[in-house]
């Protein structure tokens, strides 16, 4: 059986789109001859045609929307471009942040070897809102993140800039772990007048064990009092 087969889970299905969970450690597209998430998902669903409307990098697990027809693909393309789809993420770090909540703003600049860095000036402006919570595990912190832009490695760079690189994200200074601890947790959007709120906690990773208990004590992400 190919790896990841049992983890290709459909979370929600609509006549025009579906929401699936991408496992951590699996590339979105084919990489070095290995089938990526999109190819594996299509195969699991009998080869049906799907239109990816956004993506997650290899390190990250979580919710992804796939359109089932061109009309839905155009709708989601416009919705993402106009920032009408809210995405929320969970992350864990074993290092305390410079501040416990607020904004991370700047511009993304390319660094060496495919990495990025945050700078004061530049054209690729980014902004992320966040809250952090203690006591998830001894010495570790849980972050709830709301990106207001969608740049490559944005959240990974943002947490590094706070002094709290993501656990398992060795590219950006994170402590080695059994996975990268970044998860696309929730989606909140309107689809032709119908409010869609989809939320699913991660189910893999030693440091995500028991996360549901802590999340139960936190408001749903769309109900949090996000920093102005």
Foldseek 3Di string as FASTA:
>chain_A
DDPCLVQFDWQADDPFKTKTKDDAQFAQQDDPNRGGPVVSNCVVVPNQDWAFQDDDGRQEIEIGMITRDPVVSVVSNVCQVVQQKWWKKKFKFLWDFLDFWDKQWAAWDDDPPRDIAGDHDDDRIWMKTKGWDDDLDVSMIMMMMITSHDDPCVVQNRCLVRVTHTACPVVSPHDNFPGGGMYGAWMWHADPNDTDIDGDQDDDGPSCPPVVVVVVVPPDPVPDPIHD
